[in-house]
Amino acid sequence: MSGCSYTSCCPNCGSEDMKCYSDYKPYDIQDNVCLNCGFYAYTNQGYMSLAELNVARAEEELEPLKELPLQEKV
């Protein structure tokens, strides 16, 4: 198993009861849930539209794409 579990401080209520899980396979992910106030955060996956991807590419001074590359489910 590649992941690890730990507790952390909740950014909402300050409780030390936030349960956290982190893993790096198949890519970096993290899940958090505060057992005191219910705050949660998690890694979400998806794909950008062609327009969104080209905006991000422009910010890195990369040429725009004319079409999206293959986007398969991970």
Protein backbone atom coordinates (compact mmCIF):
# COMPACT_ATOMS: atom_id res chain seq x y z
CA MET A 1 0.00 0.00 0.00
CA SER A 2 1.43 3.35 -1.03
CA GLY A 3 -0.76 5.74 0.98
CA CYS A 4 -0.65 7.03 4.53
CA SER A 5 -3.22 8.28 7.02
CA TYR A 6 -2.68 11.01 9.60
CA THR A 7 -4.52 13.75 11.49
CA SER A 8 -4.11 17.48 10.98
CA CYS A 9 -5.50 20.83 12.06
CA CYS A 10 -8.78 21.82 10.39
CA PRO A 11 -8.53 25.16 8.54
CA ASN A 12 -12.17 25.91 9.39
CA CYS A 13 -12.53 25.21 13.12
CA GLY A 14 -8.94 24.60 14.27
CA SER A 15 -9.74 21.14 15.62
CA GLU A 16 -6.96 18.56 15.55
CA ASP A 17 -9.57 15.93 14.55
CA MET A 18 -9.18 16.31 10.78
CA LYS A 19 -8.53 12.87 9.31
CA CYS A 20 -6.26 12.94 6.28
CA TYR A 21 -5.20 10.39 3.68
CA SER A 22 -2.50 10.91 1.08
CA ASP A 23 -1.34 8.67 -1.76
CA TYR A 24 0.89 9.02 -4.81
CA LYS A 25 -0.39 6.19 -7.01
CA PRO A 26 -1.54 6.49 -9.74
CA TYR A 27 -0.91 10.25 -9.11
CA ASP A 28 -0.81 12.55 -6.07
CA ILE A 29 -4.15 12.55 -4.23
CA GLN A 30 -5.32 13.74 -0.83
CA ASP A 31 -8.58 13.38 1.12
CA ASN A 32 -9.41 15.30 4.32
CA VAL A 33 -12.45 15.31 6.59
CA CYS A 34 -12.88 17.12 9.91
CA LEU A 35 -14.81 15.03 12.42
CA ASN A 36 -15.56 18.17 14.45
CA CYS A 37 -17.21 20.59 11.95
CA GLY A 38 -17.64 18.48 8.80
CA PHE A 39 -15.21 20.39 6.58
CA TYR A 40 -13.88 18.21 3.78
CA ALA A 41 -11.48 18.55 0.86
CA TYR A 42 -10.40 16.01 -1.70
CA THR A 43 -8.53 15.61 -4.94
CA ASN A 44 -10.92 15.86 -7.86
CA GLN A 45 -10.05 14.77 -11.37
CA GLY A 46 -11.31 15.80 -14.76
CA TYR A 47 -10.26 17.29 -18.07
CA MET A 48 -10.15 20.90 -19.26
CA SER A 49 -11.97 22.02 -22.37
CA LEU A 50 -9.83 23.01 -25.35
CA ALA A 51 -10.36 26.70 -24.51
CA GLU A 52 -9.38 26.22 -20.85
CA LEU A 53 -6.32 24.17 -21.81
CA ASN A 54 -5.18 26.82 -24.29
CA VAL A 55 -5.52 29.57 -21.67
CA ALA A 56 -3.33 27.51 -19.30
CA ARG A 57 -0.85 26.84 -22.11
CA ALA A 58 -0.71 30.56 -23.00
CA GLU A 59 0.17 31.39 -19.38
CA GLU A 60 3.21 29.09 -19.79
CA GLU A 61 4.02 30.58 -23.21
CA LEU A 62 3.15 27.34 -25.02
CA GLU A 63 1.54 27.22 -28.45
CA PRO A 64 -2.24 26.68 -28.46
CA LEU A 65 -3.62 23.30 -29.50
CA LYS A 66 -6.03 23.02 -32.42
CA GLU A 67 -7.76 19.97 -30.93
CA LEU A 68 -7.77 18.11 -27.65
CA PRO A 69 -5.46 15.12 -27.27
CA LEU A 70 -7.02 11.78 -26.35
CA GLN A 71 -8.59 12.02 -22.88
CA GLU A 72 -9.16 8.59 -21.39
CA LYS A 73 -10.62 7.89 -17.99
CA VAL A 74 -7.95 7.42 -15.34
